[in-house]
């Protein structure tokens, strides 16, 4: 099952939902303002992204919205501290949408070319 993590106010999150609806691909939308990612969900997203982003620190970099007002709170932390601080502040630091296909694939932002291969 495909999960879309985001907010109802995000235009990119709405576009991602529309993308899957138009193709009749079932998905679950998780509004991060109501329920943030659990530790297990966060870990599986980071692990999936680490395969394509050059490790866990690359995955955290890919997930980070550098235009966020809270970006400075993690910008200079060491990698281990950065991941924990990021998890604790995911609502304000995540680049949206985060889409997860099972436990092995994940994307950040609008990635329609990758989503085309998801069923």
PDB file of N, CA and C in Angstrom:
ATOM      1  N   UNK A   1       0.847  -1.192   0.000  1.00  0.00           N
ATOM      2  CA  UNK A   1       0.000   0.000   0.000  1.00  0.00           C
ATOM      3  C   UNK A   1       0.881   1.240   0.000  1.00  0.00           C
ATOM      4  N   UNK A   2       0.509   2.200  -0.790  1.00  0.00           N
ATOM      5  CA  UNK A   2       1.243   3.455  -0.887  1.00  0.00           C
ATOM      6  C   UNK A   2       0.734   4.404   0.191  1.00  0.00           C
ATOM      7  N   UNK A   3       1.671   5.049   0.866  1.00  0.00           N
ATOM      8  CA  UNK A   3       1.323   6.054   1.867  1.00  0.00           C
ATOM      9  C   UNK A   3       1.878   7.390   1.412  1.00  0.00           C
ATOM     10  N   UNK A   4       1.074   8.423   1.573  1.00  0.00           N
ATOM     11  CA  UNK A   4       1.520   9.789   1.304  1.00  0.00           C
ATOM     12  C   UNK A   4       1.502  10.519   2.636  1.00  0.00           C
ATOM     13  N   UNK A   5       2.656  10.991   3.056  1.00  0.00           N
ATOM     14  CA  UNK A   5       2.760  11.784   4.284  1.00  0.00           C
ATOM     15  C   UNK A   5       2.837  13.248   3.871  1.00  0.00           C
ATOM     16  N   UNK A   6       1.973  14.066   4.449  1.00  0.00           N
ATOM     17  CA  UNK A   6       1.976  15.480   4.107  1.00  0.00           C
ATOM     18  C   UNK A   6       0.935  16.226   4.904  1.00  0.00           C
ATOM     19  N   UNK A   7       0.535  17.384   4.369  1.00  0.00           N
ATOM     20  CA  UNK A   7      -0.507  18.182   5.010  1.00  0.00           C
ATOM     21  C   UNK A   7      -1.578  18.504   3.979  1.00  0.00           C
ATOM     22  N   UNK A   8      -2.779  18.753   4.459  1.00  0.00           N
ATOM     23  CA  UNK A   8      -3.884  19.067   3.555  1.00  0.00           C
ATOM     24  C   UNK A   8      -3.730  20.413   2.871  1.00  0.00           C
ATOM     25  N   UNK A   9      -2.880  21.286   3.408  1.00  0.00           N
ATOM     26  CA  UNK A   9      -2.703  22.613   2.818  1.00  0.00           C
ATOM     27  C   UNK A   9      -1.626  22.648   1.736  1.00  0.00           C
ATOM     28  N   UNK A  10      -0.828  21.600   1.642  1.00  0.00           N
ATOM     29  CA  UNK A  10       0.272  21.573   0.681  1.00  0.00           C
ATOM     30  C   UNK A  10      -0.238  21.261  -0.727  1.00  0.00           C
ATOM     31  N   UNK A  11       0.071  22.132  -1.683  1.00  0.00           N
ATOM     32  CA  UNK A  11      -0.345  21.911  -3.065  1.00  0.00           C
ATOM     33  C   UNK A  11       0.315  20.667  -3.649  1.00  0.00           C
ATOM     34  N   UNK A  12       1.579  20.418  -3.292  1.00  0.00           N
ATOM     35  CA  UNK A  12       2.268  19.227  -3.798  1.00  0.00           C
ATOM     36  C   UNK A  12       1.634  17.952  -3.247  1.00  0.00           C
ATOM     37  N   UNK A  13       1.188  17.987  -2.003  1.00  0.00           N
ATOM     38  CA  UNK A  13       0.517  16.810  -1.420  1.00  0.00           C
ATOM     39  C   UNK A  13      -0.813  16.554  -2.121  1.00  0.00           C
ATOM     40  N   UNK A  14      -1.541  17.614  -2.429  1.00  0.00           N
ATOM     41  CA  UNK A  14      -2.792  17.464  -3.162  1.00  0.00           C
ATOM     42  C   UNK A  14      -2.525  16.909  -4.557  1.00  0.00           C
ATOM     43  N   UNK A  15      -1.461  17.387  -5.192  1.00  0.00           N
ATOM     44  CA  UNK A  15      -1.107  16.911  -6.531  1.00  0.00           C
ATOM     45  C   UNK A  15      -0.714  15.436  -6.495  1.00  0.00           C
ATOM     46  N   UNK A  16      -0.001  15.013  -5.454  1.00  0.00           N
ATOM     47  CA  UNK A  16       0.384  13.606  -5.321  1.00  0.00           C
ATOM     48  C   UNK A  16      -0.859  12.735  -5.156  1.00  0.00           C
ATOM     49  N   UNK A  17      -1.802  13.184  -4.323  1.00  0.00           N
ATOM     50  CA  UNK A  17      -3.039  12.425  -4.147  1.00  0.00           C
ATOM     51  C   UNK A  17      -3.800  12.321  -5.472  1.00  0.00           C
ATOM     52  N   UNK A  18      -3.854  13.421  -6.211  1.00  0.00           N
ATOM     53  CA  UNK A  18      -4.540  13.423  -7.505  1.00  0.00           C
ATOM     54  C   UNK A  18      -3.860  12.457  -8.485  1.00  0.00           C
ATOM     55  N   UNK A  19      -2.520  12.441  -8.473  1.00  0.00           N
ATOM     56  CA  UNK A  19      -1.752  11.550  -9.345  1.00  0.00           C
ATOM     57  C   UNK A  19      -2.180  10.096  -9.137  1.00  0.00           C
ATOM     58  N   UNK A  20      -2.230   9.653  -7.889  1.00  0.00           N
ATOM     59  CA  UNK A  20      -2.583   8.264  -7.602  1.00  0.00           C
ATOM     60  C   UNK A  20      -4.071   7.994  -7.855  1.00  0.00           C
ATOM     61  N   UNK A  21      -4.943   8.958  -7.534  1.00  0.00           N
ATOM     62  CA  UNK A  21      -6.381   8.786  -7.778  1.00  0.00           C
ATOM     63  C   UNK A  21      -6.656   8.606  -9.260  1.00  0.00           C
ATOM     64  N   UNK A  22      -6.032   9.458 -10.087  1.00  0.00           N
ATOM     65  CA  UNK A  22      -6.270   9.403 -11.529  1.00  0.00           C
ATOM     66  C   UNK A  22      -5.854   8.064 -12.124  1.00  0.00           C
ATOM     67  N   UNK A  23      -4.882   7.416 -11.516  1.00  0.00           N
ATOM     68  CA  UNK A  23      -4.397   6.126 -12.016  1.00  0.00           C
ATOM     69  C   UNK A  23      -5.029   4.945 -11.279  1.00  0.00           C
ATOM     70  N   UNK A  24      -5.970   5.253 -10.423  1.00  0.00           N
ATOM     71  CA  UNK A  24      -6.677   4.247  -9.619  1.00  0.00           C
ATOM     72  C   UNK A  24      -5.718   3.367  -8.822  1.00  0.00           C
ATOM     73  N   UNK A  25      -4.671   4.002  -8.313  1.00  0.00           N
ATOM     74  CA  UNK A  25      -3.709   3.305  -7.457  1.00  0.00           C
ATOM     75  C   UNK A  25      -4.105   3.612  -6.013  1.00  0.00           C
ATOM     76  N   UNK A  26      -4.445   2.585  -5.227  1.00  0.00           N
ATOM     77  CA  UNK A  26      -4.876   2.849  -3.851  1.00  0.00           C
ATOM     78  C   UNK A  26      -3.738   3.430  -3.001  1.00  0.00           C
ATOM     79  N   UNK A  27      -4.092   4.381  -2.155  1.00  0.00           N
ATOM     80  CA  UNK A  27      -3.102   4.995  -1.270  1.00  0.00           C
ATOM     81  C   UNK A  27      -3.772   5.397   0.035  1.00  0.00           C
ATOM     82  N   UNK A  28      -2.935   5.654   1.020  1.00  0.00           N
ATOM     83  CA  UNK A  28      -3.398   6.163   2.314  1.00  0.00           C
ATOM     84  C   UNK A  28      -2.719   7.513   2.517  1.00  0.00           C
ATOM     85  N   UNK A  29      -3.507   8.544   2.805  1.00  0.00           N
ATOM     86  CA  UNK A  29      -2.939   9.857   3.089  1.00  0.00           C
ATOM     87  C   UNK A  29      -2.829  10.020   4.596  1.00  0.00           C
ATOM     88  N   UNK A  30      -1.658  10.404   5.067  1.00  0.00           N
ATOM     89  CA  UNK A  30      -1.432  10.642   6.494  1.00  0.00           C
ATOM     90  C   UNK A  30      -1.142  12.131   6.672  1.00  0.00           C
ATOM     91  N   UNK A  31      -2.076  12.829   7.323  1.00  0.00           N
ATOM     92  CA  UNK A  31      -1.913  14.251   7.585  1.00  0.00           C
ATOM     93  C   UNK A  31      -0.977  14.418   8.781  1.00  0.00           C
ATOM     94  N   UNK A  32       0.196  14.954   8.530  1.00  0.00           N
ATOM     95  CA  UNK A  32       1.209  15.081   9.583  1.00  0.00           C
ATOM     96  C   UNK A  32       0.793  16.051  10.685  1.00  0.00           C
ATOM     97  N   UNK A  33      -0.176  16.916  10.399  1.00  0.00           N
ATOM     98  CA  UNK A  33      -0.654  17.817  11.456  1.00  0.00           C
ATOM     99  C   UNK A  33      -1.514  17.070  12.465  1.00  0.00           C
ATOM    100  N   UNK A  34      -2.110  15.947  12.034  1.00  0.00           N
ATOM    101  CA  UNK A  34      -2.914  15.138  12.945  1.00  0.00           C
ATOM    102  C   UNK A  34      -2.096  14.025  13.585  1.00  0.00           C
ATOM    103  N   UNK A  35      -1.191  13.418  12.808  1.00  0.00           N
ATOM    104  CA  UNK A  35      -0.418  12.288  13.311  1.00  0.00           C
ATOM    105  C   UNK A  35       0.928  12.246  12.575  1.00  0.00           C
ATOM    106  N   UNK A  36       2.004  12.502  13.296  1.00  0.00           N
ATOM    107  CA  UNK A  36       3.326  12.457  12.678  1.00  0.00           C
ATOM    108  C   UNK A  36       3.747  11.010  12.444  1.00  0.00           C
ATOM    109  N   UNK A  37       4.798  10.826  11.664  1.00  0.00           N
ATOM    110  CA  UNK A  37       5.312   9.479  11.414  1.00  0.00           C
ATOM    111  C   UNK A  37       5.765   8.853  12.715  1.00  0.00           C
ATOM    112  N   UNK A  38       5.464   7.575  12.869  1.00  0.00           N
ATOM    113  CA  UNK A  38       5.971   6.848  14.030  1.00  0.00           C
ATOM    114  C   UNK A  38       7.459   6.607  13.823  1.00  0.00           C
ATOM    115  N   UNK A  39       8.136   6.149  14.861  1.00  0.00           N
ATOM    116  CA  UNK A  39       9.570   5.857  14.750  1.00  0.00           C
ATOM    117  C   UNK A  39       9.818   4.795  13.681  1.00  0.00           C
ATOM    118  N   UNK A  40       8.957   3.777  13.619  1.00  0.00           N
ATOM    119  CA  UNK A  40       9.111   2.712  12.622  1.00  0.00           C
ATOM    120  C   UNK A  40       8.896   3.214  11.207  1.00  0.00           C
ATOM    121  N   UNK A  41       7.867   4.048  11.003  1.00  0.00           N
ATOM    122  CA  UNK A  41       7.603   4.613   9.677  1.00  0.00           C
ATOM    123  C   UNK A  41       8.758   5.505   9.247  1.00  0.00           C
ATOM    124  N   UNK A  42       9.214   6.354  10.154  1.00  0.00           N
ATOM    125  CA  UNK A  42      10.324   7.254   9.852  1.00  0.00           C
ATOM    126  C   UNK A  42      11.570   6.456   9.480  1.00  0.00           C
ATOM    127  N   UNK A  43      11.868   5.419  10.253  1.00  0.00           N
ATOM    128  CA  UNK A  43      13.041   4.595   9.985  1.00  0.00           C
ATOM    129  C   UNK A  43      12.942   3.906   8.626  1.00  0.00           C
ATOM    130  N   UNK A  44      11.756   3.402   8.273  1.00  0.00           N
ATOM    131  CA  UNK A  44      11.629   2.713   6.983  1.00  0.00           C
ATOM    132  C   UNK A  44      11.747   3.694   5.816  1.00  0.00           C
ATOM    133  N   UNK A  45      11.256   4.921   5.977  1.00  0.00           N
ATOM    134  CA  UNK A  45      11.417   5.939   4.936  1.00  0.00           C
ATOM    135  C   UNK A  45      12.898   6.291   4.773  1.00  0.00           C
ATOM    136  N   UNK A  46      13.578   6.527   5.892  1.00  0.00           N
ATOM    137  CA  UNK A  46      15.000   6.876   5.830  1.00  0.00           C
ATOM    138  C   UNK A  46      15.811   5.725   5.231  1.00  0.00           C
ATOM    139  N   UNK A  47      15.518   4.498   5.634  1.00  0.00           N
ATOM    140  CA  UNK A  47      16.236   3.326   5.107  1.00  0.00           C
ATOM    141  C   UNK A  47      16.008   3.181   3.604  1.00  0.00           C
ATOM    142  N   UNK A  48      14.771   3.353   3.152  1.00  0.00           N
ATOM    143  CA  UNK A  48      14.471   3.254   1.716  1.00  0.00           C
ATOM    144  C   UNK A  48      15.173   4.347   0.932  1.00  0.00           C
ATOM    145  N   UNK A  49      15.160   5.561   1.454  1.00  0.00           N
ATOM    146  CA  UNK A  49      15.835   6.666   0.762  1.00  0.00           C
ATOM    147  C   UNK A  49      17.351   6.518   0.787  1.00  0.00           C
ATOM    148  N   UNK A  50      17.867   5.899   1.846  1.00  0.00           N
ATOM    149  CA  UNK A  50      19.322   5.733   1.977  1.00  0.00           C
ATOM    150  C   UNK A  50      19.896   4.924   0.816  1.00  0.00           C
ATOM    151  N   UNK A  51      19.095   4.025   0.243  1.00  0.00           N
ATOM    152  CA  UNK A  51      19.562   3.212  -0.894  1.00  0.00           C
ATOM    153  C   UNK A  51      19.876   4.067  -2.112  1.00  0.00           C
ATOM    154  N   UNK A  52      19.141   5.155  -2.296  1.00  0.00           N
ATOM    155  CA  UNK A  52      19.345   5.993  -3.476  1.00  0.00           C
ATOM    156  C   UNK A  52      20.080   7.300  -3.171  1.00  0.00           C
ATOM    157  N   UNK A  53      20.171   7.653  -1.901  1.00  0.00           N
ATOM    158  CA  UNK A  53      20.759   8.945  -1.530  1.00  0.00           C
ATOM    159  C   UNK A  53      22.142   8.827  -0.899  1.00  0.00           C
ATOM    160  N   UNK A  54      22.733   7.647  -0.951  1.00  0.00           N
ATOM    161  CA  UNK A  54      24.090   7.502  -0.430  1.00  0.00           C
ATOM    162  C   UNK A  54      24.175   7.394   1.075  1.00  0.00           C
ATOM    163  N   UNK A  55      23.274   6.664   1.687  1.00  0.00           N
ATOM    164  CA  UNK A  55      23.332   6.444   3.130  1.00  0.00           C
ATOM    165  C   UNK A  55      22.289   7.243   3.886  1.00  0.00           C
ATOM    166  N   UNK A  56      22.260   7.010   5.204  1.00  0.00           N
ATOM    167  CA  UNK A  56      21.243   7.642   6.046  1.00  0.00           C
ATOM    168  C   UNK A  56      21.397   9.158   6.113  1.00  0.00           C
ATOM    169  N   UNK A  57      22.630   9.650   6.142  1.00  0.00           N
ATOM    170  CA  UNK A  57      22.804  11.108   6.206  1.00  0.00           C
ATOM    171  C   UNK A  57      22.325  11.754   4.908  1.00  0.00           C
ATOM    172  N   UNK A  58      22.529  11.079   3.771  1.00  0.00           N
ATOM    173  CA  UNK A  58      22.025  11.581   2.495  1.00  0.00           C
ATOM    174  C   UNK A  58      20.504  11.582   2.456  1.00  0.00           C
ATOM    175  N   UNK A  59      19.911  10.553   3.073  1.00  0.00           N
ATOM    176  CA  UNK A  59      18.449  10.471   3.136  1.00  0.00           C
ATOM    177  C   UNK A  59      17.881  11.619   3.960  1.00  0.00           C
ATOM    178  N   UNK A  60      18.510  11.921   5.081  1.00  0.00           N
ATOM    179  CA  UNK A  60      18.054  13.041   5.922  1.00  0.00           C
ATOM    180  C   UNK A  60      18.187  14.355   5.153  1.00  0.00           C
ATOM    181  N   UNK A  61      19.289  14.503   4.421  1.00  0.00           N
ATOM    182  CA  UNK A  61      19.469  15.706   3.598  1.00  0.00           C
ATOM    183  C   UNK A  61      18.351  15.834   2.572  1.00  0.00           C
ATOM    184  N   UNK A  62      18.010  14.705   1.915  1.00  0.00           N
ATOM    185  CA  UNK A  62      16.957  14.718   0.897  1.00  0.00           C
ATOM    186  C   UNK A  62      15.601  15.062   1.510  1.00  0.00           C
ATOM    187  N   UNK A  63      15.351  14.610   2.728  1.00  0.00           N
ATOM    188  CA  UNK A  63      14.074  14.860   3.404  1.00  0.00           C
ATOM    189  C   UNK A  63      13.936  16.286   3.931  1.00  0.00           C
ATOM    190  N   UNK A  64      15.053  16.975   4.083  1.00  0.00           N
ATOM    191  CA  UNK A  64      15.051  18.272   4.751  1.00  0.00           C
ATOM    192  C   UNK A  64      14.622  19.410   3.841  1.00  0.00           C
ATOM    193  N   UNK A  65      13.650  20.176   4.324  1.00  0.00           N
ATOM    194  CA  UNK A  65      13.231  21.397   3.643  1.00  0.00           C
ATOM    195  C   UNK A  65      14.156  22.512   4.123  1.00  0.00           C
ATOM    196  N   UNK A  66      15.128  22.851   3.284  1.00  0.00           N
ATOM    197  CA  UNK A  66      16.142  23.828   3.691  1.00  0.00           C
ATOM    198  C   UNK A  66      15.593  25.255   3.793  1.00  0.00           C
ATOM    199  N   UNK A  67      14.381  25.479   3.292  1.00  0.00           N
ATOM    200  CA  UNK A  67      13.774  26.804   3.420  1.00  0.00           C
ATOM    201  C   UNK A  67      12.940  26.929   4.696  1.00  0.00           C
ATOM    202  N   UNK A  68      12.874  25.845   5.479  1.00  0.00           N
ATOM    203  CA  UNK A  68      12.119  25.863   6.729  1.00  0.00           C
ATOM    204  C   UNK A  68      12.761  26.820   7.723  1.00  0.00           C
ATOM    205  N   UNK A  69      11.916  27.494   8.500  1.00  0.00           N
ATOM    206  CA  UNK A  69      12.453  28.417   9.510  1.00  0.00           C
ATOM    207  C   UNK A  69      13.211  27.671  10.607  1.00  0.00           C
ATOM    208  N   UNK A  70      12.950  26.366  10.757  1.00  0.00           N
ATOM    209  CA  UNK A  70      13.643  25.568  11.772  1.00  0.00           C
ATOM    210  C   UNK A  70      14.885  24.862  11.239  1.00  0.00           C
ATOM    211  N   UNK A  71      15.238  25.069   9.971  1.00  0.00           N
ATOM    212  CA  UNK A  71      16.391  24.383   9.388  1.00  0.00           C
ATOM    213  C   UNK A  71      17.667  24.645  10.183  1.00  0.00           C
ATOM    214  N   UNK A  72      17.834  25.844  10.690  1.00  0.00           N
ATOM    215  CA  UNK A  72      19.054  26.179  11.423  1.00  0.00           C
ATOM    216  C   UNK A  72      19.221  25.330  12.688  1.00  0.00           C
ATOM    217  N   UNK A  73      18.122  24.764  13.199  1.00  0.00           N
ATOM    218  CA  UNK A  73      18.215  23.946  14.413  1.00  0.00           C
ATOM    219  C   UNK A  73      18.927  22.620  14.167  1.00  0.00           C
ATOM    220  N   UNK A  74      19.021  22.179  12.904  1.00  0.00           N
ATOM    221  CA  UNK A  74      19.713  20.915  12.619  1.00  0.00           C
ATOM    222  C   UNK A  74      20.889  21.073  11.660  1.00  0.00           C
ATOM    223  N   UNK A  75      21.028  22.235  11.050  1.00  0.00           N
ATOM    224  CA  UNK A  75      22.010  22.418   9.971  1.00  0.00           C
ATOM    225  C   UNK A  75      23.436  22.049  10.369  1.00  0.00           C
ATOM    226  N   UNK A  76      23.826  22.305  11.603  1.00  0.00           N
ATOM    227  CA  UNK A  76      25.224  22.097  11.990  1.00  0.00           C
ATOM    228  C   UNK A  76      25.416  20.950  12.977  1.00  0.00           C
ATOM    229  N   UNK A  77      24.384  20.143  13.156  1.00  0.00           N
ATOM    230  CA  UNK A  77      24.511  18.997  14.057  1.00  0.00           C
ATOM    231  C   UNK A  77      25.268  17.860  13.384  1.00  0.00           C
ATOM    232  N   UNK A  78      25.846  16.983  14.181  1.00  0.00           N
ATOM    233  CA  UNK A  78      26.494  15.801  13.606  1.00  0.00           C
ATOM    234  C   UNK A  78      25.386  14.827  13.182  1.00  0.00           C
ATOM    235  N   UNK A  79      25.692  13.903  12.269  1.00  0.00           N
ATOM    236  CA  UNK A  79      24.675  13.085  11.606  1.00  0.00           C
ATOM    237  C   UNK A  79      23.761  12.336  12.569  1.00  0.00           C
ATOM    238  N   UNK A  80      24.321  11.746  13.642  1.00  0.00           N
ATOM    239  CA  UNK A  80      23.489  10.999  14.590  1.00  0.00           C
ATOM    240  C   UNK A  80      22.500  11.911  15.307  1.00  0.00           C
ATOM    241  N   UNK A  81      22.981  13.062  15.745  1.00  0.00           N
ATOM    242  CA  UNK A  81      22.109  14.014  16.431  1.00  0.00           C
ATOM    243  C   UNK A  81      21.084  14.598  15.468  1.00  0.00           C
ATOM    244  N   UNK A  82      21.501  14.810  14.217  1.00  0.00           N
ATOM    245  CA  UNK A  82      20.624  15.412  13.212  1.00  0.00           C
ATOM    246  C   UNK A  82      19.406  14.533  12.955  1.00  0.00           C
ATOM    247  N   UNK A  83      19.603  13.214  12.841  1.00  0.00           N
ATOM    248  CA  UNK A  83      18.478  12.316  12.565  1.00  0.00           C
ATOM    249  C   UNK A  83      17.455  12.344  13.702  1.00  0.00           C
ATOM    250  N   UNK A  84      17.927  12.317  14.938  1.00  0.00           N
ATOM    251  CA  UNK A  84      17.017  12.344  16.091  1.00  0.00           C
ATOM    252  C   UNK A  84      16.269  13.673  16.169  1.00  0.00           C
ATOM    253  N   UNK A  85      16.986  14.769  16.017  1.00  0.00           N
ATOM    254  CA  UNK A  85      16.363  16.101  16.073  1.00  0.00           C
ATOM    255  C   UNK A  85      15.366  16.269  14.930  1.00  0.00           C
ATOM    256  N   UNK A  86      15.710  15.720  13.762  1.00  0.00           N
ATOM    257  CA  UNK A  86      14.811  15.780  12.605  1.00  0.00           C
ATOM    258  C   UNK A  86      13.516  15.026  12.903  1.00  0.00           C
ATOM    259  N   UNK A  87      13.639  13.819  13.465  1.00  0.00           N
ATOM    260  CA  UNK A  87      12.459  13.023  13.810  1.00  0.00           C
ATOM    261  C   UNK A  87      11.562  13.781  14.783  1.00  0.00           C
ATOM    262  N   UNK A  88      12.159  14.429  15.767  1.00  0.00           N
ATOM    263  CA  UNK A  88      11.394  15.163  16.775  1.00  0.00           C
ATOM    264  C   UNK A  88      10.686  16.390  16.197  1.00  0.00           C
ATOM    265  N   UNK A  89      11.202  16.935  15.087  1.00  0.00           N
ATOM    266  CA  UNK A  89      10.652  18.156  14.485  1.00  0.00           C
ATOM    267  C   UNK A  89      10.218  17.934  13.041  1.00  0.00           C
ATOM    268  N   UNK A  90       9.743  16.716  12.731  1.00  0.00           N
ATOM    269  CA  UNK A  90       9.455  16.365  11.346  1.00  0.00           C
ATOM    270  C   UNK A  90       8.416  17.256  10.687  1.00  0.00           C
ATOM    271  N   UNK A  91       7.419  17.703  11.424  1.00  0.00           N
ATOM    272  CA  UNK A  91       6.365  18.519  10.821  1.00  0.00           C
ATOM    273  C   UNK A  91       6.933  19.811  10.234  1.00  0.00           C
ATOM    274  N   UNK A  92       7.897  20.399  10.914  1.00  0.00           N
ATOM    275  CA  UNK A  92       8.429  21.681  10.438  1.00  0.00           C
ATOM    276  C   UNK A  92       9.646  21.527   9.526  1.00  0.00           C
ATOM    277  N   UNK A  93      10.224  20.334   9.442  1.00  0.00           N
ATOM    278  CA  UNK A  93      11.448  20.173   8.656  1.00  0.00           C
ATOM    279  C   UNK A  93      11.300  19.345   7.381  1.00  0.00           C
ATOM    280  N   UNK A  94      10.232  18.547   7.270  1.00  0.00           N
ATOM    281  CA  UNK A  94      10.082  17.662   6.114  1.00  0.00           C
ATOM    282  C   UNK A  94       9.773  18.412   4.829  1.00  0.00           C
ATOM    283  N   UNK A  95      10.438  18.001   3.763  1.00  0.00           N
ATOM    284  CA  UNK A  95      10.070  18.426   2.421  1.00  0.00           C
ATOM    285  C   UNK A  95       8.915  17.520   2.004  1.00  0.00           C
ATOM    286  N   UNK A  96       7.832  18.095   1.517  1.00  0.00           N
ATOM    287  CA  UNK A  96       6.620  17.329   1.238  1.00  0.00           C
ATOM    288  C   UNK A  96       6.348  17.220  -0.261  1.00  0.00           C
ATOM    289  N   UNK A  97       5.616  16.207  -0.682  1.00  0.00           N
ATOM    290  CA  UNK A  97       5.140  15.057   0.070  1.00  0.00           C
ATOM    291  C   UNK A  97       6.214  13.987   0.198  1.00  0.00           C
ATOM    292  N   UNK A  98       6.076  13.158   1.227  1.00  0.00           N
ATOM    293  CA  UNK A  98       6.901  11.960   1.367  1.00  0.00           C
ATOM    294  C   UNK A  98       5.989  10.793   1.017  1.00  0.00           C
ATOM    295  N   UNK A  99       6.370  10.035  -0.004  1.00  0.00           N
ATOM    296  CA  UNK A  99       5.558   8.900  -0.445  1.00  0.00           C
ATOM    297  C   UNK A  99       6.337   7.618  -0.200  1.00  0.00           C
ATOM    298  N   UNK A 100       5.622   6.624   0.319  1.00  0.00           N
ATOM    299  CA  UNK A 100       6.259   5.345   0.641  1.00  0.00           C
ATOM    300  C   UNK A 100       5.470   4.223  -0.007  1.00  0.00           C
ATOM    301  N   UNK A 101       6.177   3.350  -0.706  1.00  0.00           N
ATOM    302  CA  UNK A 101       5.574   2.181  -1.331  1.00  0.00           C
ATOM    303  C   UNK A 101       6.094   0.962  -0.585  1.00  0.00           C
ATOM    304  N   UNK A 102       5.278   0.441   0.332  1.00  0.00           N
ATOM    305  CA  UNK A 102       5.743  -0.659   1.177  1.00  0.00           C
ATOM    306  C   UNK A 102       6.860  -0.176   2.078  1.00  0.00           C
ATOM    307  N   UNK A 103       7.773  -1.069   2.395  1.00  0.00           N
ATOM    308  CA  UNK A 103       8.890  -0.695   3.268  1.00  0.00           C
ATOM    309  C   UNK A 103      10.190  -0.504   2.500  1.00  0.00           C
ATOM    310  N   UNK A 104      10.150  -0.719   1.176  1.00  0.00           N
ATOM    311  CA  UNK A 104      11.408  -0.715   0.423  1.00  0.00           C
ATOM    312  C   UNK A 104      11.604   0.486  -0.482  1.00  0.00           C
ATOM    313  N   UNK A 105      10.533   1.238  -0.787  1.00  0.00           N
ATOM    314  CA  UNK A 105      10.660   2.380  -1.689  1.00  0.00           C
ATOM    315  C   UNK A 105      10.048   3.625  -1.061  1.00  0.00           C
ATOM    316  N   UNK A 106      10.729   4.751  -1.257  1.00  0.00           N
ATOM    317  CA  UNK A 106      10.217   6.025  -0.768  1.00  0.00           C
ATOM    318  C   UNK A 106      10.738   7.152  -1.641  1.00  0.00           C
ATOM    319  N   UNK A 107       9.948   8.224  -1.717  1.00  0.00           N
ATOM    320  CA  UNK A 107      10.364   9.413  -2.462  1.00  0.00           C
ATOM    321  C   UNK A 107      10.051  10.647  -1.636  1.00  0.00           C
ATOM    322  N   UNK A 108      10.719  11.738  -1.992  1.00  0.00           N
ATOM    323  CA  UNK A 108      10.485  13.030  -1.359  1.00  0.00           C
ATOM    324  C   UNK A 108      10.172  14.026  -2.464  1.00  0.00           C
ATOM    325  N   UNK A 109       9.136  14.821  -2.273  1.00  0.00           N
ATOM    326  CA  UNK A 109       8.761  15.798  -3.295  1.00  0.00           C
ATOM    327  C   UNK A 109       7.995  15.127  -4.424  1.00  0.00           C
ATOM    328  N   UNK A 110       7.763  15.887  -5.467  1.00  0.00           N
ATOM    329  CA  UNK A 110       7.008  15.383  -6.620  1.00  0.00           C
ATOM    330  C   UNK A 110       7.931  14.515  -7.477  1.00  0.00           C
ATOM    331  N   UNK A 111       7.639  13.220  -7.515  1.00  0.00           N
ATOM    332  CA  UNK A 111       8.490  12.249  -8.233  1.00  0.00           C
ATOM    333  C   UNK A 111       7.627  11.370  -9.146  1.00  0.00           C
ATOM    334  N   UNK A 112       6.855  11.986 -10.039  1.00  0.00           N
ATOM    335  CA  UNK A 112       5.911  11.242 -10.866  1.00  0.00           C
ATOM    336  C   UNK A 112       6.572  10.145 -11.692  1.00  0.00           C
ATOM    337  N   UNK A 113       7.783  10.368 -12.178  1.00  0.00           N
ATOM    338  CA  UNK A 113       8.427   9.343 -13.002  1.00  0.00           C
ATOM    339  C   UNK A 113       8.685   8.071 -12.200  1.00  0.00           C
ATOM    340  N   UNK A 114       9.025   8.210 -10.942  1.00  0.00           N
ATOM    341  CA  UNK A 114       9.225   7.032 -10.076  1.00  0.00           C
ATOM    342  C   UNK A 114       7.868   6.416  -9.739  1.00  0.00           C
ATOM    343  N   UNK A 115       6.891   7.247  -9.419  1.00  0.00           N
ATOM    344  CA  UNK A 115       5.562   6.755  -9.041  1.00  0.00           C
ATOM    345  C   UNK A 115       4.910   5.965 -10.165  1.00  0.00           C
ATOM    346  N   UNK A 116       5.240   6.294 -11.418  1.00  0.00           N
ATOM    347  CA  UNK A 116       4.662   5.572 -12.564  1.00  0.00           C
ATOM    348  C   UNK A 116       4.881   4.066 -12.443  1.00  0.00           C
ATOM    349  N   UNK A 117       6.014   3.659 -11.850  1.00  0.00           N
ATOM    350  CA  UNK A 117       6.330   2.255 -11.728  1.00  0.00           C
ATOM    351  C   UNK A 117       5.713   1.579 -10.504  1.00  0.00           C
ATOM    352  N   UNK A 118       5.044   2.356  -9.662  1.00  0.00           N
ATOM    353  CA  UNK A 118       4.443   1.794  -8.451  1.00  0.00           C
ATOM    354  C   UNK A 118       3.044   1.294  -8.742  1.00  0.00           C
ATOM    355  N   UNK A 119       2.682   0.179  -8.157  1.00  0.00           N
ATOM    356  CA  UNK A 119       1.323  -0.365  -8.320  1.00  0.00           C
ATOM    357  C   UNK A 119       0.757  -0.723  -6.968  1.00  0.00           C
TER     358      UNK A 119
END
